[in-house]
Amino acid sequence: MNSQGLKDTARALVADDKGLLAMDESNPTCNKRFAEMGIPQTEEARRAYRELIVTTLGLGECISGAILYDETIRQQKKDGTPLSKPSPMRELFPASKLTPVPRTWQAIPERK
């Protein structure tokens, strides 16, 4: 992507006072939360949880995009549509975190 394309994308992401939804929880983090609530720690449970988020009515009115976890990029809604594909009613930019958390951040308890 050229610099103008990057600038245009950045402007679109923050247009109309919208922001990004970080739903890039790792499987271990998601499983830990599920265990605390008695929810099965399975790929299907994580998929259903993520589908609930991306199909929330009015979501596109508040956010312009979502940062997705690697597993989410490969998952599909019950109807077979990829979770990373926005509905026709919404223009959301899916993105994936490509780099791991820096080791220096991992050493900080608040960052785990």
C-alpha atoms as a PDB file:
ATOM      1  CA  MET A   1       0.000   0.000   0.000  1.00  0.00           C
ATOM      2  CA  ASN A   2       1.338   3.425  -0.870  1.00  0.00           C
ATOM      3  CA  SER A   3       1.462   6.258   1.648  1.00  0.00           C
ATOM      4  CA  GLN A   4      -1.670   7.958   0.250  1.00  0.00           C
ATOM      5  CA  GLY A   5      -3.602   4.691   0.495  1.00  0.00           C
ATOM      6  CA  LEU A   6      -2.457   4.294   4.085  1.00  0.00           C
ATOM      7  CA  LYS A   7      -3.516   7.849   4.923  1.00  0.00           C
ATOM      8  CA  ASP A   8      -6.925   7.320   3.296  1.00  0.00           C
ATOM      9  CA  THR A   9      -7.462   4.097   5.251  1.00  0.00           C
ATOM     10  CA  ALA A  10      -6.451   5.751   8.531  1.00  0.00           C
ATOM     11  CA  ARG A  11      -8.897   8.622   7.892  1.00  0.00           C
ATOM     12  CA  ALA A  12     -11.695   6.171   7.084  1.00  0.00           C
ATOM     13  CA  LEU A  13     -11.031   4.255  10.303  1.00  0.00           C
ATOM     14  CA  VAL A  14     -11.560   7.328  12.477  1.00  0.00           C
ATOM     15  CA  ALA A  15     -14.255   9.048  10.390  1.00  0.00           C
ATOM     16  CA  ASP A  16     -17.480  10.045  12.133  1.00  0.00           C
ATOM     17  CA  ASP A  17     -15.823   9.633  15.559  1.00  0.00           C
ATOM     18  CA  LYS A  18     -15.671   5.858  15.146  1.00  0.00           C
ATOM     19  CA  GLY A  19     -12.835   3.666  16.311  1.00  0.00           C
ATOM     20  CA  LEU A  20     -11.482   0.141  16.225  1.00  0.00           C
ATOM     21  CA  LEU A  21     -12.709  -2.799  18.260  1.00  0.00           C
ATOM     22  CA  ALA A  22      -9.810  -4.897  19.527  1.00  0.00           C
ATOM     23  CA  MET A  23     -11.240  -8.411  19.604  1.00  0.00           C
ATOM     24  CA  ASP A  24      -7.890 -10.104  19.195  1.00  0.00           C
ATOM     25  CA  GLU A  25      -7.867 -12.094  22.433  1.00  0.00           C
ATOM     26  CA  SER A  26      -5.619 -15.116  22.169  1.00  0.00           C
ATOM     27  CA  ASN A  27      -7.117 -18.566  22.677  1.00  0.00           C
ATOM     28  CA  PRO A  28      -5.490 -18.945  26.120  1.00  0.00           C
ATOM     29  CA  THR A  29      -6.870 -15.577  27.266  1.00  0.00           C
ATOM     30  CA  CYS A  30     -10.329 -16.312  25.894  1.00  0.00           C
ATOM     31  CA  ASN A  31     -10.293 -19.799  27.435  1.00  0.00           C
ATOM     32  CA  LYS A  32      -9.313 -18.363  30.805  1.00  0.00           C
ATOM     33  CA  ARG A  33     -12.300 -15.999  30.723  1.00  0.00           C
ATOM     34  CA  PHE A  34     -14.596 -18.825  29.635  1.00  0.00           C
ATOM     35  CA  ALA A  35     -13.340 -21.128  32.403  1.00  0.00           C
ATOM     36  CA  GLU A  36     -14.130 -18.463  35.016  1.00  0.00           C
ATOM     37  CA  MET A  37     -17.727 -18.368  33.735  1.00  0.00           C
ATOM     38  CA  GLY A  38     -18.157 -22.116  33.266  1.00  0.00           C
ATOM     39  CA  ILE A  39     -18.204 -21.888  29.458  1.00  0.00           C
ATOM     40  CA  PRO A  40     -16.541 -24.758  27.533  1.00  0.00           C
ATOM     41  CA  GLN A  41     -13.086 -23.791  26.294  1.00  0.00           C
ATOM     42  CA  THR A  42     -13.565 -25.010  22.729  1.00  0.00           C
ATOM     43  CA  GLU A  43     -13.050 -23.547  19.284  1.00  0.00           C
ATOM     44  CA  GLU A  44     -16.826 -23.691  18.751  1.00  0.00           C
ATOM     45  CA  ALA A  45     -17.507 -21.693  21.924  1.00  0.00           C
ATOM     46  CA  ARG A  46     -14.942 -19.070  20.881  1.00  0.00           C
ATOM     47  CA  ARG A  47     -16.447 -18.977  17.380  1.00  0.00           C
ATOM     48  CA  ALA A  48     -19.975 -18.484  18.748  1.00  0.00           C
ATOM     49  CA  TYR A  49     -18.736 -15.731  21.084  1.00  0.00           C
ATOM     50  CA  ARG A  50     -17.004 -13.932  18.233  1.00  0.00           C
ATOM     51  CA  GLU A  51     -20.054 -14.326  16.004  1.00  0.00           C
ATOM     52  CA  LEU A  52     -22.151 -12.718  18.724  1.00  0.00           C
ATOM     53  CA  ILE A  53     -19.819  -9.720  18.665  1.00  0.00           C
ATOM     54  CA  VAL A  54     -19.626  -9.255  14.882  1.00  0.00           C
ATOM     55  CA  THR A  55     -23.382  -9.656  14.400  1.00  0.00           C
ATOM     56  CA  THR A  56     -24.349  -7.147  17.103  1.00  0.00           C
ATOM     57  CA  LEU A  57     -26.994  -4.804  15.715  1.00  0.00           C
ATOM     58  CA  GLY A  58     -25.707  -1.273  15.357  1.00  0.00           C
ATOM     59  CA  LEU A  59     -22.059  -2.268  15.727  1.00  0.00           C
ATOM     60  CA  GLY A  60     -21.118  -0.445  12.529  1.00  0.00           C
ATOM     61  CA  GLU A  61     -22.555   2.759  13.961  1.00  0.00           C
ATOM     62  CA  CYS A  62     -19.906   2.733  16.682  1.00  0.00           C
ATOM     63  CA  ILE A  63     -16.825   1.159  15.149  1.00  0.00           C
ATOM     64  CA  SER A  64     -15.167   1.311  11.759  1.00  0.00           C
ATOM     65  CA  GLY A  65     -13.092  -1.834  12.051  1.00  0.00           C
ATOM     66  CA  ALA A  66     -12.014  -4.723  14.194  1.00  0.00           C
ATOM     67  CA  ILE A  67      -8.642  -6.209  15.037  1.00  0.00           C
ATOM     68  CA  LEU A  68      -9.083  -9.965  14.859  1.00  0.00           C
ATOM     69  CA  TYR A  69      -7.135 -12.861  16.318  1.00  0.00           C
ATOM     70  CA  ASP A  70      -5.550 -15.333  13.893  1.00  0.00           C
ATOM     71  CA  GLU A  71      -8.134 -18.045  14.665  1.00  0.00           C
ATOM     72  CA  THR A  72     -10.987 -15.602  13.980  1.00  0.00           C
ATOM     73  CA  ILE A  73      -9.771 -14.875  10.443  1.00  0.00           C
ATOM     74  CA  ARG A  74     -10.324 -18.573   9.632  1.00  0.00           C
ATOM     75  CA  GLN A  75     -13.691 -18.968  11.382  1.00  0.00           C
ATOM     76  CA  GLN A  76     -17.140 -18.746   9.845  1.00  0.00           C
ATOM     77  CA  LYS A  77     -20.568 -17.736  11.086  1.00  0.00           C
ATOM     78  CA  LYS A  78     -23.231 -20.442  11.337  1.00  0.00           C
ATOM     79  CA  ASP A  79     -24.380 -19.505   7.813  1.00  0.00           C
ATOM     80  CA  GLY A  80     -20.887 -20.170   6.396  1.00  0.00           C
ATOM     81  CA  THR A  81     -19.929 -16.511   5.963  1.00  0.00           C
ATOM     82  CA  PRO A  82     -16.397 -15.743   7.194  1.00  0.00           C
ATOM     83  CA  LEU A  83     -16.389 -13.839  10.492  1.00  0.00           C
ATOM     84  CA  SER A  84     -13.921 -11.421   8.892  1.00  0.00           C
ATOM     85  CA  LYS A  85     -16.396 -10.473   6.137  1.00  0.00           C
ATOM     86  CA  PRO A  86     -18.596  -7.530   7.088  1.00  0.00           C
ATOM     87  CA  SER A  87     -22.326  -7.781   6.535  1.00  0.00           C
ATOM     88  CA  PRO A  88     -23.724  -5.916   3.527  1.00  0.00           C
ATOM     89  CA  MET A  89     -25.252  -3.385   5.950  1.00  0.00           C
ATOM     90  CA  ARG A  90     -21.885  -2.461   7.463  1.00  0.00           C
ATOM     91  CA  GLU A  91     -18.613  -1.211   6.064  1.00  0.00           C
ATOM     92  CA  LEU A  92     -16.064  -2.504   8.556  1.00  0.00           C
ATOM     93  CA  PHE A  93     -12.368  -2.992   7.992  1.00  0.00           C
ATOM     94  CA  PRO A  94     -11.160  -6.335   9.359  1.00  0.00           C
ATOM     95  CA  ALA A  95      -7.518  -6.453  10.406  1.00  0.00           C
ATOM     96  CA  SER A  96      -5.288  -9.036  12.015  1.00  0.00           C
ATOM     97  CA  LYS A  97      -2.531  -8.473  14.534  1.00  0.00           C
ATOM     98  CA  LEU A  98       0.523  -9.680  12.653  1.00  0.00           C
ATOM     99  CA  THR A  99       3.195  -9.331  15.278  1.00  0.00           C
ATOM    100  CA  PRO A 100       3.432 -10.891  18.714  1.00  0.00           C
ATOM    101  CA  VAL A 101       3.490  -8.705  21.804  1.00  0.00           C
ATOM    102  CA  PRO A 102       7.064  -7.458  22.353  1.00  0.00           C
ATOM    103  CA  ARG A 103       8.950  -9.401  25.023  1.00  0.00           C
ATOM    104  CA  THR A 104       9.501  -6.215  27.004  1.00  0.00           C
ATOM    105  CA  TRP A 105       5.703  -5.812  27.256  1.00  0.00           C
ATOM    106  CA  GLN A 106       5.258  -9.434  28.315  1.00  0.00           C
ATOM    107  CA  ALA A 107       7.422  -8.735  31.339  1.00  0.00           C
ATOM    108  CA  ILE A 108       5.022  -6.033  32.554  1.00  0.00           C
ATOM    109  CA  PRO A 109       2.225  -7.672  34.642  1.00  0.00           C
ATOM    110  CA  GLU A 110      -0.414  -5.150  33.476  1.00  0.00           C
ATOM    111  CA  ARG A 111       0.227  -6.090  29.818  1.00  0.00           C
ATOM    112  CA  LYS A 112      -0.488  -9.827  30.179  1.00  0.00           C
END
